[in-house]
Amino acid sequence: MIELYYWPTPNGLKVKLFLEEAQLPYRVRLINLGQGEQLAASFRAISPNGRIPAIVDREPADGGLPLAVFESGAVLWYLAQKSGRFIPAGARERAVTLQWLFWQMAGLGPMAGQSGHFRVYAPQPVPYAIERYTRETGRLYGVLDQRLARCEFIAGDYSIADMACYPWIVPHAAHGQDLGEFPQLRRWFEAIRMRPATVRTYAGVEDVYARTPALSAEARQVLFGSAGSAA
């Protein structure tokens, strides 16, 4: 049994998507970011960085004590290794998958997240930041579009690289991006959107950017102040 410590942000959704695709038994432990539950000592014992998602594997492969894993890319890698799913067996193909997984973690996620923050969450407009992060997010969309012109999915077959990237493309409008400008990315996006596991993962999920007007000053401080941050 996998315990998933989760809130429906792009990073949280990528791990839930894997669990649904692999049909691994799991239990969701909701961590309400607006209420600061990610700052609790009990959660930080699992995720030292105080961010979701994280998992606890109650039945690790070595038969030992429950194993906690934090950081969404590391969680995807761990679950792929554990299940033998969505990660290629060949060394070359596996290297390609890991490159694109790390690309999402280091580039697409951070840049799209900053774009969304300054376009939607910032208390006042910062034109330089909006222009910089929207432009860089568009560049990264272009990189992915070019990659997908060569293959059906990011690393060839559907893999953790796709699961890592897809949730960061879902809020493309809030990132200032038009998928009509990226035809291969749009083709890939629609293919993943229709997968049964994706439908299950996103059932009842509210757009994180649509909740912005309801943020209280306290919730804003918890999410974006020095004491805590969203994932």
C-alpha atoms as a PDB file:
ATOM      1  CA  MET A   1       0.000   0.000   0.000  1.00  0.00           C
ATOM      2  CA  ILE A   2       1.252   3.455  -0.965  1.00  0.00           C
ATOM      3  CA  GLU A   3       0.242   6.445   1.131  1.00  0.00           C
ATOM      4  CA  LEU A   4       0.128   9.549  -1.064  1.00  0.00           C
ATOM      5  CA  TYR A   5       0.496  12.881   0.721  1.00  0.00           C
ATOM      6  CA  TYR A   6      -1.189  15.124  -1.781  1.00  0.00           C
ATOM      7  CA  TRP A   7      -2.947  18.298  -2.808  1.00  0.00           C
ATOM      8  CA  PRO A   8      -4.239  18.752  -6.399  1.00  0.00           C
ATOM      9  CA  THR A   9      -1.403  20.922  -7.706  1.00  0.00           C
ATOM     10  CA  PRO A  10       0.474  19.941 -10.892  1.00  0.00           C
ATOM     11  CA  ASN A  11       3.191  18.238  -8.843  1.00  0.00           C
ATOM     12  CA  GLY A  12       0.661  16.350  -6.754  1.00  0.00           C
ATOM     13  CA  LEU A  13      -1.336  15.293  -9.786  1.00  0.00           C
ATOM     14  CA  LYS A  14       1.640  13.790 -11.597  1.00  0.00           C
ATOM     15  CA  VAL A  15       2.114  11.185  -8.845  1.00  0.00           C
ATOM     16  CA  LYS A  16      -1.592  10.438  -8.604  1.00  0.00           C
ATOM     17  CA  LEU A  17      -1.598   9.968 -12.376  1.00  0.00           C
ATOM     18  CA  PHE A  18       1.146   7.355 -12.098  1.00  0.00           C
ATOM     19  CA  LEU A  19      -0.692   5.471  -9.351  1.00  0.00           C
ATOM     20  CA  GLU A  20      -3.845   5.401 -11.447  1.00  0.00           C
ATOM     21  CA  GLU A  21      -2.002   4.298 -14.583  1.00  0.00           C
ATOM     22  CA  ALA A  22      -0.096   1.537 -12.788  1.00  0.00           C
ATOM     23  CA  GLN A  23      -3.153   0.594 -10.715  1.00  0.00           C
ATOM     24  CA  LEU A  24      -1.082   0.396  -7.565  1.00  0.00           C
ATOM     25  CA  PRO A  25      -3.120   0.297  -4.351  1.00  0.00           C
ATOM     26  CA  TYR A  26      -2.859   3.666  -2.625  1.00  0.00           C
ATOM     27  CA  ARG A  27      -4.472   5.829  -0.003  1.00  0.00           C
ATOM     28  CA  VAL A  28      -4.639   9.622  -0.288  1.00  0.00           C
ATOM     29  CA  ARG A  29      -3.632  11.761   2.687  1.00  0.00           C
ATOM     30  CA  LEU A  30      -4.758  15.291   1.824  1.00  0.00           C
ATOM     31  CA  ILE A  31      -2.350  18.056   2.838  1.00  0.00           C
ATOM     32  CA  ASN A  32      -4.242  21.349   2.718  1.00  0.00           C
ATOM     33  CA  LEU A  33      -1.664  23.884   1.601  1.00  0.00           C
ATOM     34  CA  GLY A  34      -3.822  26.924   2.310  1.00  0.00           C
ATOM     35  CA  GLN A  35      -4.207  25.824   5.909  1.00  0.00           C
ATOM     36  CA  GLY A  36      -0.497  25.242   6.317  1.00  0.00           C
ATOM     37  CA  GLU A  37      -0.664  21.491   6.879  1.00  0.00           C
ATOM     38  CA  GLN A  38       2.574  21.109   4.907  1.00  0.00           C
ATOM     39  CA  LEU A  39       4.344  22.906   7.759  1.00  0.00           C
ATOM     40  CA  ALA A  40       3.378  20.342  10.405  1.00  0.00           C
ATOM     41  CA  ALA A  41       6.255  18.468  12.008  1.00  0.00           C
ATOM     42  CA  SER A  42       4.571  15.148  11.232  1.00  0.00           C
ATOM     43  CA  PHE A  43       4.553  15.942   7.514  1.00  0.00           C
ATOM     44  CA  ARG A  44       8.085  17.361   7.527  1.00  0.00           C
ATOM     45  CA  ALA A  45       9.265  14.047   8.959  1.00  0.00           C
ATOM     46  CA  ILE A  46       8.135  12.576   5.620  1.00  0.00           C
ATOM     47  CA  SER A  47       8.943  15.533   3.358  1.00  0.00           C
ATOM     48  CA  PRO A  48      11.759  17.626   4.894  1.00  0.00           C
ATOM     49  CA  ASN A  49      11.238  20.405   2.344  1.00  0.00           C
ATOM     50  CA  GLY A  50       7.651  20.844   3.497  1.00  0.00           C
ATOM     51  CA  ARG A  51       6.150  20.378   0.045  1.00  0.00           C
ATOM     52  CA  ILE A  52       3.801  17.916  -1.551  1.00  0.00           C
ATOM     53  CA  PRO A  53       3.744  15.339  -2.968  1.00  0.00           C
ATOM     54  CA  ALA A  54       5.387  12.687  -0.876  1.00  0.00           C
ATOM     55  CA  ILE A  55       4.698   9.012  -0.389  1.00  0.00           C
ATOM     56  CA  VAL A  56       5.195   6.373   2.232  1.00  0.00           C
ATOM     57  CA  ASP A  57       5.583   2.868   0.852  1.00  0.00           C
ATOM     58  CA  ARG A  58       4.231   0.507   3.502  1.00  0.00           C
ATOM     59  CA  GLU A  59       5.516  -2.522   1.605  1.00  0.00           C
ATOM     60  CA  PRO A  60       8.955  -1.635   0.175  1.00  0.00           C
ATOM     61  CA  ALA A  61      10.689  -4.159  -2.035  1.00  0.00           C
ATOM     62  CA  ASP A  62      13.382  -4.882   0.555  1.00  0.00           C
ATOM     63  CA  GLY A  63      10.775  -5.982   3.094  1.00  0.00           C
ATOM     64  CA  GLY A  64      12.038  -3.443   5.609  1.00  0.00           C
ATOM     65  CA  LEU A  65      10.384  -0.593   7.471  1.00  0.00           C
ATOM     66  CA  PRO A  66       8.034   1.791   5.618  1.00  0.00           C
ATOM     67  CA  LEU A  67       9.960   4.017   3.225  1.00  0.00           C
ATOM     68  CA  ALA A  68       9.232   7.726   2.734  1.00  0.00           C
ATOM     69  CA  VAL A  69      10.064   9.424  -0.577  1.00  0.00           C
ATOM     70  CA  PHE A  70       9.661  13.133  -1.326  1.00  0.00           C
ATOM     71  CA  GLU A  71      10.148  15.295  -4.459  1.00  0.00           C
ATOM     72  CA  SER A  72       7.752  14.443  -7.276  1.00  0.00           C
ATOM     73  CA  GLY A  73      10.410  13.395  -9.789  1.00  0.00           C
ATOM     74  CA  ALA A  74      12.044  11.078  -7.261  1.00  0.00           C
ATOM     75  CA  VAL A  75       8.627   9.659  -6.378  1.00  0.00           C
ATOM     76  CA  LEU A  76       7.860   8.912 -10.032  1.00  0.00           C
ATOM     77  CA  TRP A  77      11.245   7.270 -10.468  1.00  0.00           C
ATOM     78  CA  TYR A  78      10.786   5.203  -7.296  1.00  0.00           C
ATOM     79  CA  LEU A  79       7.306   4.025  -8.271  1.00  0.00           C
ATOM     80  CA  ALA A  80       8.436   3.163 -11.796  1.00  0.00           C
ATOM     81  CA  GLN A  81      11.269   1.066 -10.379  1.00  0.00           C
ATOM     82  CA  LYS A  82       8.965  -0.577  -7.849  1.00  0.00           C
ATOM     83  CA  SER A  83       6.267  -1.481 -10.353  1.00  0.00           C
ATOM     84  CA  GLY A  84       8.424  -2.050 -13.426  1.00  0.00           C
ATOM     85  CA  ARG A  85       6.019   0.196 -15.337  1.00  0.00           C
ATOM     86  CA  PHE A  86       6.431   3.286 -17.491  1.00  0.00           C
ATOM     87  CA  ILE A  87      10.220   3.218 -17.517  1.00  0.00           C
ATOM     88  CA  PRO A  88      12.174   1.540 -20.341  1.00  0.00           C
ATOM     89  CA  ALA A  89      14.377  -1.460 -19.645  1.00  0.00           C
ATOM     90  CA  GLY A  90      17.106  -0.484 -22.101  1.00  0.00           C
ATOM     91  CA  ALA A  91      19.892   1.790 -20.869  1.00  0.00           C
ATOM     92  CA  ARG A  92      19.645   4.232 -23.773  1.00  0.00           C
ATOM     93  CA  GLU A  93      15.873   4.509 -23.636  1.00  0.00           C
ATOM     94  CA  ARG A  94      15.961   4.873 -19.854  1.00  0.00           C
ATOM     95  CA  ALA A  95      18.502   7.684 -20.177  1.00  0.00           C
ATOM     96  CA  VAL A  96      16.181   9.526 -22.567  1.00  0.00           C
ATOM     97  CA  THR A  97      13.281   9.162 -20.150  1.00  0.00           C
ATOM     98  CA  LEU A  98      15.324  10.477 -17.227  1.00  0.00           C
ATOM     99  CA  GLN A  99      16.591  13.434 -19.244  1.00  0.00           C
ATOM    100  CA  TRP A 100      13.046  14.592 -19.955  1.00  0.00           C
ATOM    101  CA  LEU A 101      11.917  13.893 -16.396  1.00  0.00           C
ATOM    102  CA  PHE A 102      14.730  16.111 -15.097  1.00  0.00           C
ATOM    103  CA  TRP A 103      13.949  18.686 -17.805  1.00  0.00           C
ATOM    104  CA  GLN A 104      10.464  18.999 -16.407  1.00  0.00           C
ATOM    105  CA  MET A 105      11.683  19.240 -12.834  1.00  0.00           C
ATOM    106  CA  ALA A 106      14.370  21.827 -13.572  1.00  0.00           C
ATOM    107  CA  GLY A 107      12.734  23.811 -16.369  1.00  0.00           C
ATOM    108  CA  LEU A 108       9.088  23.388 -17.314  1.00  0.00           C
ATOM    109  CA  GLY A 109       7.708  23.170 -13.781  1.00  0.00           C
ATOM    110  CA  PRO A 110       9.640  26.085 -12.232  1.00  0.00           C
ATOM    111  CA  MET A 111       9.171  28.416 -15.210  1.00  0.00           C
ATOM    112  CA  ALA A 112       5.486  27.618 -15.736  1.00  0.00           C
ATOM    113  CA  GLY A 113       4.940  27.918 -11.991  1.00  0.00           C
ATOM    114  CA  GLN A 114       6.499  31.376 -11.907  1.00  0.00           C
ATOM    115  CA  SER A 115       4.502  32.390 -14.968  1.00  0.00           C
ATOM    116  CA  GLY A 116       1.281  31.300 -13.301  1.00  0.00           C
ATOM    117  CA  HIS A 117       2.226  32.994 -10.052  1.00  0.00           C
ATOM    118  CA  PHE A 118       2.954  36.400 -11.542  1.00  0.00           C
ATOM    119  CA  ARG A 119       0.030  36.239 -13.974  1.00  0.00           C
ATOM    120  CA  VAL A 120      -2.551  35.061 -11.438  1.00  0.00           C
ATOM    121  CA  TYR A 121      -1.457  35.066  -7.799  1.00  0.00           C
ATOM    122  CA  ALA A 122       0.771  38.135  -7.417  1.00  0.00           C
ATOM    123  CA  PRO A 123      -0.952  40.872  -5.359  1.00  0.00           C
ATOM    124  CA  GLN A 124       0.053  43.473  -7.956  1.00  0.00           C
ATOM    125  CA  PRO A 125       1.235  43.203 -11.580  1.00  0.00           C
ATOM    126  CA  VAL A 126       4.967  42.969 -12.161  1.00  0.00           C
ATOM    127  CA  PRO A 127       5.287  43.478 -15.943  1.00  0.00           C
ATOM    128  CA  TYR A 128       8.933  42.437 -16.171  1.00  0.00           C
ATOM    129  CA  ALA A 129       8.302  39.160 -14.316  1.00  0.00           C
ATOM    130  CA  ILE A 130       5.151  38.416 -16.314  1.00  0.00           C
ATOM    131  CA  GLU A 131       6.939  38.990 -19.615  1.00  0.00           C
ATOM    132  CA  ARG A 132      10.073  37.062 -18.625  1.00  0.00           C
ATOM    133  CA  TYR A 133       8.367  33.937 -17.293  1.00  0.00           C
ATOM    134  CA  THR A 134       5.630  33.849 -19.938  1.00  0.00           C
ATOM    135  CA  ARG A 135       8.277  34.075 -22.685  1.00  0.00           C
ATOM    136  CA  GLU A 136      10.451  31.369 -21.135  1.00  0.00           C
ATOM    137  CA  THR A 137       7.450  29.082 -20.621  1.00  0.00           C
ATOM    138  CA  GLY A 138       6.585  29.567 -24.289  1.00  0.00           C
ATOM    139  CA  ARG A 139      10.138  28.643 -25.252  1.00  0.00           C
ATOM    140  CA  LEU A 140       9.881  25.436 -23.231  1.00  0.00           C
ATOM    141  CA  TYR A 141       6.535  24.606 -24.818  1.00  0.00           C
ATOM    142  CA  GLY A 142       8.333  24.982 -28.144  1.00  0.00           C
ATOM    143  CA  VAL A 143      11.089  22.604 -27.055  1.00  0.00           C
ATOM    144  CA  LEU A 144       8.465  20.015 -26.150  1.00  0.00           C
ATOM    145  CA  ASP A 145       6.556  20.614 -29.382  1.00  0.00           C
ATOM    146  CA  GLN A 146       9.722  19.960 -31.398  1.00  0.00           C
ATOM    147  CA  ARG A 147      10.452  16.817 -29.436  1.00  0.00           C
ATOM    148  CA  LEU A 148       6.927  15.512 -30.008  1.00  0.00           C
ATOM    149  CA  ALA A 149       7.278  16.064 -33.752  1.00  0.00           C
ATOM    150  CA  ARG A 150       9.719  13.123 -33.653  1.00  0.00           C
ATOM    151  CA  CYS A 151       7.808  10.670 -31.443  1.00  0.00           C
ATOM    152  CA  GLU A 152       4.311   9.884 -30.204  1.00  0.00           C
ATOM    153  CA  PHE A 153       5.229  10.431 -26.560  1.00  0.00           C
ATOM    154  CA  ILE A 154       8.143  12.285 -25.015  1.00  0.00           C
ATOM    155  CA  ALA A 155      10.487   9.321 -24.602  1.00  0.00           C
ATOM    156  CA  GLY A 156       8.969   7.139 -27.299  1.00  0.00           C
ATOM    157  CA  ASP A 157       6.501   5.019 -25.335  1.00  0.00           C
ATOM    158  CA  TYR A 158       4.209   6.549 -22.709  1.00  0.00           C
ATOM    159  CA  SER A 159       6.318   6.980 -19.574  1.00  0.00           C
ATOM    160  CA  ILE A 160       6.966   8.913 -16.390  1.00  0.00           C
ATOM    161  CA  ALA A 161       8.334  11.730 -18.574  1.00  0.00           C
ATOM    162  CA  ASP A 162       4.829  12.279 -19.974  1.00  0.00           C
ATOM    163  CA  MET A 163       3.237  12.000 -16.539  1.00  0.00           C
ATOM    164  CA  ALA A 164       5.635  14.607 -15.191  1.00  0.00           C
ATOM    165  CA  CYS A 165       4.964  17.111 -17.968  1.00  0.00           C
ATOM    166  CA  TYR A 166       1.230  16.739 -18.590  1.00  0.00           C
ATOM    167  CA  PRO A 167      -0.045  18.376 -15.369  1.00  0.00           C
ATOM    168  CA  TRP A 168       2.112  21.422 -16.119  1.00  0.00           C
ATOM    169  CA  ILE A 169       0.480  21.789 -19.545  1.00  0.00           C
ATOM    170  CA  VAL A 170      -3.088  21.498 -18.224  1.00  0.00           C
ATOM    171  CA  PRO A 171      -3.128  25.130 -16.969  1.00  0.00           C
ATOM    172  CA  HIS A 172      -1.622  26.465 -20.208  1.00  0.00           C
ATOM    173  CA  ALA A 173      -4.067  29.387 -20.428  1.00  0.00           C
ATOM    174  CA  ALA A 174      -3.018  30.653 -16.997  1.00  0.00           C
ATOM    175  CA  HIS A 175       0.594  30.373 -18.152  1.00  0.00           C
ATOM    176  CA  GLY A 176      -0.190  32.661 -21.088  1.00  0.00           C
ATOM    177  CA  GLN A 177       0.148  29.894 -23.679  1.00  0.00           C
ATOM    178  CA  ASP A 178      -2.062  28.899 -26.622  1.00  0.00           C
ATOM    179  CA  LEU A 179      -1.778  25.235 -27.568  1.00  0.00           C
ATOM    180  CA  GLY A 180      -2.875  26.181 -31.064  1.00  0.00           C
ATOM    181  CA  GLU A 181       0.639  27.517 -31.548  1.00  0.00           C
ATOM    182  CA  PHE A 182       2.140  24.113 -30.676  1.00  0.00           C
ATOM    183  CA  PRO A 183       0.377  21.499 -32.854  1.00  0.00           C
ATOM    184  CA  GLN A 184       2.413  18.475 -31.767  1.00  0.00           C
ATOM    185  CA  LEU A 185       2.111  19.416 -28.125  1.00  0.00           C
ATOM    186  CA  ARG A 186      -1.635  19.820 -28.549  1.00  0.00           C
ATOM    187  CA  ARG A 187      -1.876  16.390 -30.240  1.00  0.00           C
ATOM    188  CA  TRP A 188       0.041  14.812 -27.329  1.00  0.00           C
ATOM    189  CA  PHE A 189      -2.006  16.724 -24.752  1.00  0.00           C
ATOM    190  CA  GLU A 190      -5.317  15.532 -26.168  1.00  0.00           C
ATOM    191  CA  ALA A 191      -4.111  11.933 -26.333  1.00  0.00           C
ATOM    192  CA  ILE A 192      -3.170  11.941 -22.646  1.00  0.00           C
ATOM    193  CA  ARG A 193      -6.270  13.871 -21.615  1.00  0.00           C
ATOM    194  CA  MET A 194      -8.474  11.055 -22.961  1.00  0.00           C
ATOM    195  CA  ARG A 195      -6.652   8.214 -21.193  1.00  0.00           C
ATOM    196  CA  PRO A 196      -8.911   6.552 -18.573  1.00  0.00           C
ATOM    197  CA  ALA A 197      -6.313   7.013 -15.828  1.00  0.00           C
ATOM    198  CA  THR A 198      -6.113  10.736 -16.604  1.00  0.00           C
ATOM    199  CA  VAL A 199      -9.890  11.048 -16.463  1.00  0.00           C
ATOM    200  CA  ARG A 200      -9.904   9.329 -13.058  1.00  0.00           C
ATOM    201  CA  THR A 201      -7.019  11.455 -11.780  1.00  0.00           C
ATOM    202  CA  TYR A 202      -8.663  14.744 -12.709  1.00  0.00           C
ATOM    203  CA  ALA A 203     -12.223  13.834 -11.727  1.00  0.00           C
ATOM    204  CA  GLY A 204     -13.463  16.551  -9.385  1.00  0.00           C
ATOM    205  CA  VAL A 205     -10.156  18.424  -9.440  1.00  0.00           C
ATOM    206  CA  GLU A 206     -10.525  22.191  -9.320  1.00  0.00           C
ATOM    207  CA  ASP A 207      -8.137  24.354 -11.328  1.00  0.00           C
ATOM    208  CA  VAL A 208      -5.610  25.677  -8.809  1.00  0.00           C
ATOM    209  CA  TYR A 209      -5.587  29.020 -10.608  1.00  0.00           C
ATOM    210  CA  ALA A 210      -9.379  29.341 -10.425  1.00  0.00           C
ATOM    211  CA  ARG A 211      -9.270  29.450  -6.619  1.00  0.00           C
ATOM    212  CA  THR A 212      -7.164  32.596  -6.489  1.00  0.00           C
ATOM    213  CA  PRO A 213      -9.905  35.143  -5.708  1.00  0.00           C
ATOM    214  CA  ALA A 214     -10.935  33.143  -2.627  1.00  0.00           C
ATOM    215  CA  LEU A 215      -7.454  33.209  -1.051  1.00  0.00           C
ATOM    216  CA  SER A 216      -7.470  34.865   2.339  1.00  0.00           C
ATOM    217  CA  ALA A 217      -4.561  37.024   3.467  1.00  0.00           C
ATOM    218  CA  GLU A 218      -3.603  34.266   5.895  1.00  0.00           C
ATOM    219  CA  ALA A 219      -3.685  31.592   3.192  1.00  0.00           C
ATOM    220  CA  ARG A 220      -1.658  33.805   0.867  1.00  0.00           C
ATOM    221  CA  GLN A 221       0.975  34.238   3.576  1.00  0.00           C
ATOM    222  CA  VAL A 222       1.123  30.498   4.182  1.00  0.00           C
ATOM    223  CA  LEU A 223       1.412  29.702   0.476  1.00  0.00           C
ATOM    224  CA  PHE A 224       3.758  32.417  -0.628  1.00  0.00           C
ATOM    225  CA  GLY A 225       5.344  33.862   2.510  1.00  0.00           C
ATOM    226  CA  SER A 226       8.729  32.905   3.843  1.00  0.00           C
ATOM    227  CA  ALA A 227       7.255  30.184   6.057  1.00  0.00           C
ATOM    228  CA  GLY A 228       5.643  28.052   3.364  1.00  0.00           C
ATOM    229  CA  SER A 229       5.075  27.618  -0.309  1.00  0.00           C
ATOM    230  CA  ALA A 230       2.807  25.890  -2.771  1.00  0.00           C
ATOM    231  CA  ALA A 231       3.888  22.842  -4.740  1.00  0.00           C
END
